[in-house]
C-alpha atoms as a PDB file:
ATOM      1  CA  UNK A   1     151.386 101.582 254.577  1.00  0.00           C
ATOM      2  CA  UNK A   2     151.889 103.512 257.915  1.00  0.00           C
ATOM      3  CA  UNK A   3     149.648 105.622 259.492  1.00  0.00           C
ATOM      4  CA  UNK A   4     151.550 108.810 258.238  1.00  0.00           C
ATOM      5  CA  UNK A   5     151.201 107.996 254.775  1.00  0.00           C
ATOM      6  CA  UNK A   6     147.882 106.883 254.747  1.00  0.00           C
ATOM      7  CA  UNK A   7     146.627 110.122 256.009  1.00  0.00           C
ATOM      8  CA  UNK A   8     148.958 112.078 253.463  1.00  0.00           C
ATOM      9  CA  UNK A   9     146.885 109.647 250.935  1.00  0.00           C
ATOM     10  CA  UNK A  10     143.418 110.355 252.187  1.00  0.00           C
ATOM     11  CA  UNK A  11     144.333 114.126 252.423  1.00  0.00           C
ATOM     12  CA  UNK A  12     145.228 114.522 248.709  1.00  0.00           C
ATOM     13  CA  UNK A  13     143.288 116.947 247.258  1.00  0.00           C
ATOM     14  CA  UNK A  14     140.539 116.188 244.433  1.00  0.00           C
ATOM     15  CA  UNK A  15     141.285 116.688 240.772  1.00  0.00           C
ATOM     16  CA  UNK A  16     138.953 119.650 239.072  1.00  0.00           C
ATOM     17  CA  UNK A  17     137.921 117.063 237.101  1.00  0.00           C
ATOM     18  CA  UNK A  18     136.082 115.103 239.662  1.00  0.00           C
ATOM     19  CA  UNK A  19     133.107 117.740 240.210  1.00  0.00           C
ATOM     20  CA  UNK A  20     131.626 116.160 236.518  1.00  0.00           C
ATOM     21  CA  UNK A  21     129.480 113.348 237.773  1.00  0.00           C
ATOM     22  CA  UNK A  22     129.624 110.352 235.558  1.00  0.00           C
ATOM     23  CA  UNK A  23     133.016 110.722 234.110  1.00  0.00           C
ATOM     24  CA  UNK A  24     136.247 108.335 234.585  1.00  0.00           C
ATOM     25  CA  UNK A  25     137.900 110.711 236.260  1.00  0.00           C
ATOM     26  CA  UNK A  26     135.453 111.108 239.229  1.00  0.00           C
ATOM     27  CA  UNK A  27     134.769 107.156 239.269  1.00  0.00           C
ATOM     28  CA  UNK A  28     138.784 106.639 239.564  1.00  0.00           C
ATOM     29  CA  UNK A  29     138.938 109.583 242.183  1.00  0.00           C
ATOM     30  CA  UNK A  30     136.016 107.756 244.130  1.00  0.00           C
ATOM     31  CA  UNK A  31     137.635 104.430 244.084  1.00  0.00           C
ATOM     32  CA  UNK A  32     141.162 105.400 244.581  1.00  0.00           C
ATOM     33  CA  UNK A  33     141.424 108.606 246.020  1.00  0.00           C
ATOM     34  CA  UNK A  34     144.845 109.147 243.975  1.00  0.00           C
ATOM     35  CA  UNK A  35     145.128 112.622 242.189  1.00  0.00           C
ATOM     36  CA  UNK A  36     147.666 111.391 239.513  1.00  0.00           C
ATOM     37  CA  UNK A  37     145.264 108.367 238.995  1.00  0.00           C
ATOM     38  CA  UNK A  38     142.100 110.382 238.802  1.00  0.00           C
ATOM     39  CA  UNK A  39     143.746 113.246 236.363  1.00  0.00           C
ATOM     40  CA  UNK A  40     145.069 110.384 234.557  1.00  0.00           C
ATOM     41  CA  UNK A  41     141.846 108.554 233.880  1.00  0.00           C
ATOM     42  CA  UNK A  42     140.777 109.742 230.505  1.00  0.00           C
ATOM     43  CA  UNK A  43     144.059 108.647 229.169  1.00  0.00           C
ATOM     44  CA  UNK A  44     144.370 105.386 230.937  1.00  0.00           C
ATOM     45  CA  UNK A  45     140.930 104.073 230.823  1.00  0.00           C
ATOM     46  CA  UNK A  46     138.478 106.410 228.027  1.00  0.00           C
ATOM     47  CA  UNK A  47     140.923 106.824 225.409  1.00  0.00           C
ATOM     48  CA  UNK A  48     141.798 102.969 225.158  1.00  0.00           C
ATOM     49  CA  UNK A  49     138.363 101.691 225.625  1.00  0.00           C
ATOM     50  CA  UNK A  50     137.194 104.475 222.777  1.00  0.00           C
ATOM     51  CA  UNK A  51     139.814 103.102 220.662  1.00  0.00           C
ATOM     52  CA  UNK A  52     138.797  99.508 221.255  1.00  0.00           C
ATOM     53  CA  UNK A  53     135.228 100.321 220.691  1.00  0.00           C
ATOM     54  CA  UNK A  54     136.682 102.307 217.265  1.00  0.00           C
ATOM     55  CA  UNK A  55     138.524  99.257 216.219  1.00  0.00           C
ATOM     56  CA  UNK A  56     135.629  96.675 217.296  1.00  0.00           C
ATOM     57  CA  UNK A  57     133.051  98.598 215.247  1.00  0.00           C
ATOM     58  CA  UNK A  58     135.192  98.608 212.186  1.00  0.00           C
ATOM     59  CA  UNK A  59     135.912  95.027 211.980  1.00  0.00           C
ATOM     60  CA  UNK A  60     132.236  94.172 212.404  1.00  0.00           C
ATOM     61  CA  UNK A  61     131.265  96.883 209.760  1.00  0.00           C
ATOM     62  CA  UNK A  62     134.079  95.535 207.301  1.00  0.00           C
ATOM     63  CA  UNK A  63     132.546  91.857 207.694  1.00  0.00           C
ATOM     64  CA  UNK A  64     129.699  92.755 207.049  1.00  0.00           C
ATOM     65  CA  UNK A  65     130.463  94.644 203.890  1.00  0.00           C
ATOM     66  CA  UNK A  66     132.527  91.752 203.066  1.00  0.00           C
ATOM     67  CA  UNK A  67     129.543  89.309 203.846  1.00  0.00           C
ATOM     68  CA  UNK A  68     127.418  91.558 201.247  1.00  0.00           C
ATOM     69  CA  UNK A  69     129.965  91.723 198.755  1.00  0.00           C
ATOM     70  CA  UNK A  70     129.954  87.986 198.556  1.00  0.00           C
ATOM     71  CA  UNK A  71     126.396  87.378 198.327  1.00  0.00           C
ATOM     72  CA  UNK A  72     126.036  90.209 195.542  1.00  0.00           C
ATOM     73  CA  UNK A  73     128.984  88.656 193.568  1.00  0.00           C
ATOM     74  CA  UNK A  74     127.804  84.861 194.057  1.00  0.00           C
ATOM     75  CA  UNK A  75     125.465  83.835 191.118  1.00  0.00           C
ATOM     76  CA  UNK A  76     124.284  79.924 192.289  1.00  0.00           C
ATOM     77  CA  UNK A  77     123.484  79.730 188.352  1.00  0.00           C
ATOM     78  CA  UNK A  78     122.129  82.684 187.466  1.00  0.00           C
ATOM     79  CA  UNK A  79     123.528  86.444 186.614  1.00  0.00           C
ATOM     80  CA  UNK A  80     125.211  88.058 189.855  1.00  0.00           C
ATOM     81  CA  UNK A  81     123.276  90.851 191.069  1.00  0.00           C
ATOM     82  CA  UNK A  82     126.576  92.737 190.902  1.00  0.00           C
ATOM     83  CA  UNK A  83     126.381  92.288 186.950  1.00  0.00           C
ATOM     84  CA  UNK A  84     123.176  93.369 186.114  1.00  0.00           C
ATOM     85  CA  UNK A  85     123.762  96.917 185.730  1.00  0.00           C
ATOM     86  CA  UNK A  86     126.996  96.362 183.936  1.00  0.00           C
ATOM     87  CA  UNK A  87     127.104  95.686 180.269  1.00  0.00           C
ATOM     88  CA  UNK A  88     127.498  92.141 178.934  1.00  0.00           C
ATOM     89  CA  UNK A  89     128.704  91.019 175.774  1.00  0.00           C
ATOM     90  CA  UNK A  90     128.462  87.350 176.276  1.00  0.00           C
ATOM     91  CA  UNK A  91     125.195  85.658 174.684  1.00  0.00           C
ATOM     92  CA  UNK A  92     122.961  83.161 175.885  1.00  0.00           C
ATOM     93  CA  UNK A  93     124.468  80.997 173.778  1.00  0.00           C
ATOM     94  CA  UNK A  94     127.514  80.729 174.799  1.00  0.00           C
ATOM     95  CA  UNK A  95     127.107  77.719 176.806  1.00  0.00           C
ATOM     96  CA  UNK A  96     128.378  76.497 179.599  1.00  0.00           C
ATOM     97  CA  UNK A  97     131.501  78.962 179.286  1.00  0.00           C
ATOM     98  CA  UNK A  98     129.424  81.726 180.453  1.00  0.00           C
ATOM     99  CA  UNK A  99     128.774  80.369 183.758  1.00  0.00           C
ATOM    100  CA  UNK A 100     132.569  80.331 183.938  1.00  0.00           C
ATOM    101  CA  UNK A 101     132.827  83.917 182.568  1.00  0.00           C
ATOM    102  CA  UNK A 102     130.385  85.555 184.773  1.00  0.00           C
ATOM    103  CA  UNK A 103     131.471  83.891 187.750  1.00  0.00           C
ATOM    104  CA  UNK A 104     135.224  84.986 187.010  1.00  0.00           C
ATOM    105  CA  UNK A 105     133.859  88.654 186.480  1.00  0.00           C
ATOM    106  CA  UNK A 106     132.311  88.722 189.533  1.00  0.00           C
ATOM    107  CA  UNK A 107     134.966  87.124 191.637  1.00  0.00           C
ATOM    108  CA  UNK A 108     137.172  90.000 190.384  1.00  0.00           C
ATOM    109  CA  UNK A 109     134.896  92.443 191.144  1.00  0.00           C
ATOM    110  CA  UNK A 110     134.087  90.915 194.439  1.00  0.00           C
ATOM    111  CA  UNK A 111     137.852  91.142 195.077  1.00  0.00           C
ATOM    112  CA  UNK A 112     138.510  95.254 194.155  1.00  0.00           C
ATOM    113  CA  UNK A 113     135.220  96.094 196.142  1.00  0.00           C
ATOM    114  CA  UNK A 114     136.562  93.838 199.394  1.00  0.00           C
ATOM    115  CA  UNK A 115     139.848  95.222 199.040  1.00  0.00           C
ATOM    116  CA  UNK A 116     138.454  99.115 198.766  1.00  0.00           C
ATOM    117  CA  UNK A 117     135.900  98.400 201.670  1.00  0.00           C
ATOM    118  CA  UNK A 118     138.903  97.198 203.807  1.00  0.00           C
ATOM    119  CA  UNK A 119     141.149 100.012 202.925  1.00  0.00           C
ATOM    120  CA  UNK A 120     138.259 102.549 203.385  1.00  0.00           C
ATOM    121  CA  UNK A 121     137.289 100.992 206.392  1.00  0.00           C
ATOM    122  CA  UNK A 122     140.564 100.173 208.324  1.00  0.00           C
ATOM    123  CA  UNK A 123     141.725 103.772 207.137  1.00  0.00           C
ATOM    124  CA  UNK A 124     138.726 105.897 208.647  1.00  0.00           C
ATOM    125  CA  UNK A 125     139.442 103.776 211.805  1.00  0.00           C
ATOM    126  CA  UNK A 126     142.827 104.481 212.164  1.00  0.00           C
ATOM    127  CA  UNK A 127     141.877 108.601 211.426  1.00  0.00           C
ATOM    128  CA  UNK A 128     139.519 108.478 214.240  1.00  0.00           C
ATOM    129  CA  UNK A 129     141.764 106.411 216.783  1.00  0.00           C
ATOM    130  CA  UNK A 130     144.227 109.276 216.207  1.00  0.00           C
ATOM    131  CA  UNK A 131     141.947 111.763 216.869  1.00  0.00           C
ATOM    132  CA  UNK A 132     141.133 110.198 220.110  1.00  0.00           C
ATOM    133  CA  UNK A 133     144.804 110.583 221.075  1.00  0.00           C
ATOM    134  CA  UNK A 134     144.860 114.385 220.437  1.00  0.00           C
ATOM    135  CA  UNK A 135     146.891 114.184 217.516  1.00  0.00           C
ATOM    136  CA  UNK A 136     146.477 116.973 215.246  1.00  0.00           C
ATOM    137  CA  UNK A 137     145.246 115.093 211.946  1.00  0.00           C
ATOM    138  CA  UNK A 138     145.822 118.526 209.267  1.00  0.00           C
ATOM    139  CA  UNK A 139     149.955 117.872 208.731  1.00  0.00           C
ATOM    140  CA  UNK A 140     149.434 114.134 208.769  1.00  0.00           C
ATOM    141  CA  UNK A 141     146.551 113.994 206.065  1.00  0.00           C
ATOM    142  CA  UNK A 142     148.850 116.686 204.032  1.00  0.00           C
ATOM    143  CA  UNK A 143     151.844 114.774 204.361  1.00  0.00           C
ATOM    144  CA  UNK A 144     150.143 111.409 203.842  1.00  0.00           C
ATOM    145  CA  UNK A 145     148.471 113.283 199.940  1.00  0.00           C
ATOM    146  CA  UNK A 146     152.356 114.605 199.446  1.00  0.00           C
ATOM    147  CA  UNK A 147     153.696 111.166 199.910  1.00  0.00           C
ATOM    148  CA  UNK A 148     150.441 109.521 197.914  1.00  0.00           C
ATOM    149  CA  UNK A 149     151.324 111.586 194.809  1.00  0.00           C
ATOM    150  CA  UNK A 150     155.283 110.700 195.110  1.00  0.00           C
ATOM    151  CA  UNK A 151     154.100 107.166 194.989  1.00  0.00           C
ATOM    152  CA  UNK A 152     151.782 107.806 192.313  1.00  0.00           C
ATOM    153  CA  UNK A 153     154.707 109.280 190.375  1.00  0.00           C
ATOM    154  CA  UNK A 154     156.593 106.403 190.809  1.00  0.00           C
ATOM    155  CA  UNK A 155     154.223 103.752 190.274  1.00  0.00           C
ATOM    156  CA  UNK A 156     152.632 104.767 187.320  1.00  0.00           C
ATOM    157  CA  UNK A 157     152.858 101.617 185.617  1.00  0.00           C
ATOM    158  CA  UNK A 158     151.425  99.727 188.577  1.00  0.00           C
ATOM    159  CA  UNK A 159     148.199 102.230 188.717  1.00  0.00           C
ATOM    160  CA  UNK A 160     148.125 102.464 184.959  1.00  0.00           C
ATOM    161  CA  UNK A 161     147.786  98.710 184.901  1.00  0.00           C
ATOM    162  CA  UNK A 162     144.973  98.344 187.524  1.00  0.00           C
ATOM    163  CA  UNK A 163     142.802 101.137 186.592  1.00  0.00           C
ATOM    164  CA  UNK A 164     142.840  99.382 182.941  1.00  0.00           C
ATOM    165  CA  UNK A 165     142.093  96.138 184.593  1.00  0.00           C
ATOM    166  CA  UNK A 166     139.436  97.205 186.199  1.00  0.00           C
ATOM    167  CA  UNK A 167     137.587  98.691 183.320  1.00  0.00           C
ATOM    168  CA  UNK A 168     138.301  95.943 181.267  1.00  0.00           C
ATOM    169  CA  UNK A 169     136.506  93.835 183.865  1.00  0.00           C
ATOM    170  CA  UNK A 170     133.687  96.272 184.131  1.00  0.00           C
ATOM    171  CA  UNK A 171     133.246  96.742 180.517  1.00  0.00           C
ATOM    172  CA  UNK A 172     133.257  92.863 179.919  1.00  0.00           C
ATOM    173  CA  UNK A 173     136.289  93.262 176.950  1.00  0.00           C
ATOM    174  CA  UNK A 174     137.110  89.654 177.469  1.00  0.00           C
ATOM    175  CA  UNK A 175     137.280  86.972 179.676  1.00  0.00           C
ATOM    176  CA  UNK A 176     138.479  83.144 180.676  1.00  0.00           C
ATOM    177  CA  UNK A 177     138.227  81.225 177.489  1.00  0.00           C
ATOM    178  CA  UNK A 178     137.913  83.520 174.796  1.00  0.00           C
ATOM    179  CA  UNK A 179     140.559  83.648 172.147  1.00  0.00           C
ATOM    180  CA  UNK A 180     141.885  87.211 171.938  1.00  0.00           C
ATOM    181  CA  UNK A 181     144.632  89.167 169.530  1.00  0.00           C
ATOM    182  CA  UNK A 182     145.543  91.927 172.024  1.00  0.00           C
ATOM    183  CA  UNK A 183     149.103  92.583 169.288  1.00  0.00           C
ATOM    184  CA  UNK A 184     151.970  91.573 170.251  1.00  0.00           C
ATOM    185  CA  UNK A 185     150.298  87.825 171.354  1.00  0.00           C
ATOM    186  CA  UNK A 186     147.239  86.251 170.566  1.00  0.00           C
ATOM    187  CA  UNK A 187     145.639  83.118 171.846  1.00  0.00           C
ATOM    188  CA  UNK A 188     143.157  81.487 174.434  1.00  0.00           C
ATOM    189  CA  UNK A 189     142.252  83.750 177.711  1.00  0.00           C
ATOM    190  CA  UNK A 190     143.480  81.282 180.420  1.00  0.00           C
ATOM    191  CA  UNK A 191     143.632  84.139 183.555  1.00  0.00           C
ATOM    192  CA  UNK A 192     142.373  87.731 183.681  1.00  0.00           C
ATOM    193  CA  UNK A 193     143.852  89.552 186.560  1.00  0.00           C
ATOM    194  CA  UNK A 194     143.712  93.149 187.375  1.00  0.00           C
ATOM    195  CA  UNK A 195     147.603  93.978 186.515  1.00  0.00           C
ATOM    196  CA  UNK A 196     148.504  90.992 184.396  1.00  0.00           C
ATOM    197  CA  UNK A 197     146.446  88.467 181.657  1.00  0.00           C
ATOM    198  CA  UNK A 198     147.395  85.583 180.710  1.00  0.00           C
ATOM    199  CA  UNK A 199     146.667  83.628 177.111  1.00  0.00           C
ATOM    200  CA  UNK A 200     148.522  80.825 175.778  1.00  0.00           C
ATOM    201  CA  UNK A 201     148.916  80.587 172.202  1.00  0.00           C
ATOM    202  CA  UNK A 202     148.300  77.830 169.184  1.00  0.00           C
ATOM    203  CA  UNK A 203     152.114  76.909 169.991  1.00  0.00           C
ATOM    204  CA  UNK A 204     151.397  76.294 173.503  1.00  0.00           C
ATOM    205  CA  UNK A 205     153.051  79.590 174.599  1.00  0.00           C
ATOM    206  CA  UNK A 206     152.188  80.790 177.904  1.00  0.00           C
ATOM    207  CA  UNK A 207     152.137  84.981 177.242  1.00  0.00           C
ATOM    208  CA  UNK A 208     152.236  87.442 180.202  1.00  0.00           C
ATOM    209  CA  UNK A 209     150.574  90.824 179.074  1.00  0.00           C
ATOM    210  CA  UNK A 210     149.909  93.719 181.358  1.00  0.00           C
ATOM    211  CA  UNK A 211     146.697  95.551 180.963  1.00  0.00           C
ATOM    212  CA  UNK A 212     148.480  98.901 180.727  1.00  0.00           C
ATOM    213  CA  UNK A 213     150.292  97.881 177.673  1.00  0.00           C
ATOM    214  CA  UNK A 214     146.880  96.580 176.139  1.00  0.00           C
ATOM    215  CA  UNK A 215     145.920  99.230 173.337  1.00  0.00           C
ATOM    216  CA  UNK A 216     143.300  97.538 171.005  1.00  0.00           C
ATOM    217  CA  UNK A 217     141.740  93.924 171.671  1.00  0.00           C
ATOM    218  CA  UNK A 218     140.319  91.733 168.842  1.00  0.00           C
ATOM    219  CA  UNK A 219     137.713  89.316 170.374  1.00  0.00           C
ATOM    220  CA  UNK A 220     136.906  86.464 168.584  1.00  0.00           C
ATOM    221  CA  UNK A 221     134.693  85.058 171.332  1.00  0.00           C
ATOM    222  CA  UNK A 222     132.012  87.259 172.135  1.00  0.00           C
ATOM    223  CA  UNK A 223     128.516  87.603 170.367  1.00  0.00           C
ATOM    224  CA  UNK A 224     128.713  85.018 167.500  1.00  0.00           C
ATOM    225  CA  UNK A 225     131.193  84.340 164.843  1.00  0.00           C
ATOM    226  CA  UNK A 226     131.905  83.494 161.041  1.00  0.00           C
ATOM    227  CA  UNK A 227     133.651  80.366 159.460  1.00  0.00           C
ATOM    228  CA  UNK A 228     135.303  82.000 156.342  1.00  0.00           C
ATOM    229  CA  UNK A 229     135.970  79.043 153.721  1.00  0.00           C
ATOM    230  CA  UNK A 230     138.185  79.946 151.305  1.00  0.00           C
ATOM    231  CA  UNK A 231     138.163  76.847 148.090  1.00  0.00           C
ATOM    232  CA  UNK A 232     140.444  77.761 144.966  1.00  0.00           C
ATOM    233  CA  UNK A 233     139.346  75.968 142.076  1.00  0.00           C
ATOM    234  CA  UNK A 234     141.099  76.698 138.147  1.00  0.00           C
ATOM    235  CA  UNK A 235     139.957  78.666 135.935  1.00  0.00           C
ATOM    236  CA  UNK A 236     138.220  76.615 133.649  1.00  0.00           C
ATOM    237  CA  UNK A 237     136.026  75.601 136.417  1.00  0.00           C
ATOM    238  CA  UNK A 238     131.983  75.933 136.122  1.00  0.00           C
ATOM    239  CA  UNK A 239     131.608  78.732 138.647  1.00  0.00           C
ATOM    240  CA  UNK A 240     127.868  77.749 138.925  1.00  0.00           C
ATOM    241  CA  UNK A 241     128.461  74.316 139.441  1.00  0.00           C
ATOM    242  CA  UNK A 242     131.294  74.960 141.953  1.00  0.00           C
ATOM    243  CA  UNK A 243     128.295  77.087 143.804  1.00  0.00           C
ATOM    244  CA  UNK A 244     125.928  74.616 143.790  1.00  0.00           C
ATOM    245  CA  UNK A 245     128.329  71.630 144.732  1.00  0.00           C
ATOM    246  CA  UNK A 246     129.316  74.080 147.547  1.00  0.00           C
ATOM    247  CA  UNK A 247     125.835  74.940 148.674  1.00  0.00           C
ATOM    248  CA  UNK A 248     125.202  70.977 148.675  1.00  0.00           C
ATOM    249  CA  UNK A 249     128.162  69.914 150.997  1.00  0.00           C
ATOM    250  CA  UNK A 250     127.587  72.770 153.441  1.00  0.00           C
ATOM    251  CA  UNK A 251     123.947  71.853 153.896  1.00  0.00           C
ATOM    252  CA  UNK A 252     125.076  68.454 154.992  1.00  0.00           C
ATOM    253  CA  UNK A 253     128.061  69.506 156.710  1.00  0.00           C
ATOM    254  CA  UNK A 254     125.960  71.562 158.946  1.00  0.00           C
ATOM    255  CA  UNK A 255     123.159  69.175 159.765  1.00  0.00           C
ATOM    256  CA  UNK A 256     125.351  66.439 160.960  1.00  0.00           C
ATOM    257  CA  UNK A 257     125.738  65.830 164.487  1.00  0.00           C
ATOM    258  CA  UNK A 258     128.953  67.169 166.434  1.00  0.00           C
ATOM    259  CA  UNK A 259     127.970  70.406 163.945  1.00  0.00           C
ATOM    260  CA  UNK A 260     125.028  71.493 164.014  1.00  0.00           C
ATOM    261  CA  UNK A 261     124.747  72.736 167.748  1.00  0.00           C
ATOM    262  CA  UNK A 262     127.309  75.301 166.739  1.00  0.00           C
ATOM    263  CA  UNK A 263     125.989  76.565 163.700  1.00  0.00           C
ATOM    264  CA  UNK A 264     123.188  79.891 164.378  1.00  0.00           C
ATOM    265  CA  UNK A 265     122.514  80.421 160.715  1.00  0.00           C
ATOM    266  CA  UNK A 266     122.577  78.812 157.473  1.00  0.00           C
ATOM    267  CA  UNK A 267     125.287  78.463 155.184  1.00  0.00           C
ATOM    268  CA  UNK A 268     125.940  81.167 152.268  1.00  0.00           C
ATOM    269  CA  UNK A 269     128.085  80.877 148.994  1.00  0.00           C
ATOM    270  CA  UNK A 270     128.837  84.076 148.144  1.00  0.00           C
ATOM    271  CA  UNK A 271     130.463  83.109 145.097  1.00  0.00           C
ATOM    272  CA  UNK A 272     133.749  84.289 143.699  1.00  0.00           C
ATOM    273  CA  UNK A 273     135.508  86.348 146.241  1.00  0.00           C
ATOM    274  CA  UNK A 274     139.121  86.740 144.210  1.00  0.00           C
ATOM    275  CA  UNK A 275     141.109  86.429 141.287  1.00  0.00           C
ATOM    276  CA  UNK A 276     144.640  85.479 141.305  1.00  0.00           C
ATOM    277  CA  UNK A 277     146.992  84.366 138.566  1.00  0.00           C
ATOM    278  CA  UNK A 278     146.747  80.814 139.842  1.00  0.00           C
ATOM    279  CA  UNK A 279     143.152  80.228 141.006  1.00  0.00           C
ATOM    280  CA  UNK A 280     139.708  81.405 141.357  1.00  0.00           C
ATOM    281  CA  UNK A 281     138.876  81.755 145.123  1.00  0.00           C
ATOM    282  CA  UNK A 282     135.447  80.909 145.778  1.00  0.00           C
ATOM    283  CA  UNK A 283     134.209  81.871 149.587  1.00  0.00           C
ATOM    284  CA  UNK A 284     131.333  80.663 151.751  1.00  0.00           C
ATOM    285  CA  UNK A 285     130.477  81.342 155.192  1.00  0.00           C
ATOM    286  CA  UNK A 286     128.674  80.519 158.313  1.00  0.00           C
ATOM    287  CA  UNK A 287     127.826  82.113 161.368  1.00  0.00           C
ATOM    288  CA  UNK A 288     128.397  80.297 164.496  1.00  0.00           C
ATOM    289  CA  UNK A 289     128.597  79.848 168.043  1.00  0.00           C
ATOM    290  CA  UNK A 290     131.798  81.978 169.334  1.00  0.00           C
ATOM    291  CA  UNK A 291     134.834  79.784 169.473  1.00  0.00           C
ATOM    292  CA  UNK A 292     133.791  77.157 167.189  1.00  0.00           C
ATOM    293  CA  UNK A 293     134.223  79.021 163.795  1.00  0.00           C
ATOM    294  CA  UNK A 294     137.751  77.225 163.109  1.00  0.00           C
ATOM    295  CA  UNK A 295     136.295  73.333 164.131  1.00  0.00           C
ATOM    296  CA  UNK A 296     133.338  74.212 161.637  1.00  0.00           C
ATOM    297  CA  UNK A 297     135.608  75.600 158.907  1.00  0.00           C
ATOM    298  CA  UNK A 298     137.920  72.506 159.201  1.00  0.00           C
ATOM    299  CA  UNK A 299     134.857  70.294 158.246  1.00  0.00           C
ATOM    300  CA  UNK A 300     133.647  72.465 155.932  1.00  0.00           C
ATOM    301  CA  UNK A 301     136.750  72.537 154.202  1.00  0.00           C
ATOM    302  CA  UNK A 302     137.633  69.014 154.159  1.00  0.00           C
ATOM    303  CA  UNK A 303     134.131  67.583 152.975  1.00  0.00           C
ATOM    304  CA  UNK A 304     134.110  70.281 149.949  1.00  0.00           C
ATOM    305  CA  UNK A 305     137.608  69.742 148.993  1.00  0.00           C
ATOM    306  CA  UNK A 306     136.698  65.946 148.522  1.00  0.00           C
ATOM    307  CA  UNK A 307     133.579  66.469 146.700  1.00  0.00           C
ATOM    308  CA  UNK A 308     135.222  69.182 144.319  1.00  0.00           C
ATOM    309  CA  UNK A 309     137.933  66.555 143.283  1.00  0.00           C
ATOM    310  CA  UNK A 310     135.065  63.550 142.824  1.00  0.00           C
ATOM    311  CA  UNK A 311     132.977  66.305 140.932  1.00  0.00           C
ATOM    312  CA  UNK A 312     136.522  66.330 138.585  1.00  0.00           C
ATOM    313  CA  UNK A 313     136.389  70.547 139.382  1.00  0.00           C
ATOM    314  CA  UNK A 314     139.657  71.698 137.747  1.00  0.00           C
ATOM    315  CA  UNK A 315     142.230  72.223 140.535  1.00  0.00           C
ATOM    316  CA  UNK A 316     144.221  75.559 140.708  1.00  0.00           C
ATOM    317  CA  UNK A 317     147.400  75.837 138.291  1.00  0.00           C
ATOM    318  CA  UNK A 318     145.540  73.256 136.349  1.00  0.00           C
ATOM    319  CA  UNK A 319     146.237  75.733 133.165  1.00  0.00           C
ATOM    320  CA  UNK A 320     149.868  75.622 133.979  1.00  0.00           C
ATOM    321  CA  UNK A 321     150.007  71.858 134.704  1.00  0.00           C
ATOM    322  CA  UNK A 322     147.383  70.327 132.128  1.00  0.00           C
ATOM    323  CA  UNK A 323     146.688  66.577 132.158  1.00  0.00           C
ATOM    324  CA  UNK A 324     148.962  64.811 129.596  1.00  0.00           C
ATOM    325  CA  UNK A 325     147.130  62.019 128.057  1.00  0.00           C
ATOM    326  CA  UNK A 326     149.297  58.376 127.063  1.00  0.00           C
END
């Protein structure tokens, strides 16, 4: 740099912003004596630093909130904090499955909360950054609203599935391991998502059901279940004898190992439930743990049929096919 250029550089007039002490403009002018750099200090130094600070604060806040969510959704063998104010339909008798149910429910709620936190925190940071750049946020927010409405109309089914999944999880309508009937499909729940519920029926077929398409749910695994056993006997059978025999058999079966832990209340023989052209239907019921009604039914039915045959109780259709004596 020659003497003339140096003189011109030193003779540059200071911009008006240098009169304000403590500003970036004044500091840059003091260091460089360059009018353009001093006047642009706000754009070159101040605004980028503010935007970086906004981003850093947003990252820290998001990290802290996510850790808080992980803390309130972690049960460690107990009811997660996030589930305490929510209604829970699974009873304490649900066994080890209730821990899995609570953990799955808490994870899903935690995933939703984390997504909301990320969207809100980064969204606010993005808006603040645009404000630092001097952009008019009014038209941007209005345009975003219009685009959001348009996307909402175009993705109604997706939004419907998502909202249905959130309310399903908050209301504890069903969880992993439950046996449910959702109308078109029924079976055991294998996975619960915010958009799709996966269940497997008794034939091994996996069904994927959109949450927004589920209008009603029949859950056979909440609270308790009732094992209902209907046994047909012939018209000539002594109902009192059959009732006494079934009461004895039911008492023996529910006291056996492998069945007793599933029984909540003693069995009850209700008597004749229905009369058909072929037989009398005698019903007995047992209140059991949810999901165990079918196993208890099979055990009761197998023993009862064997004892009825041993007691020579008239079988169904006996009046149409009488015993032929040689």
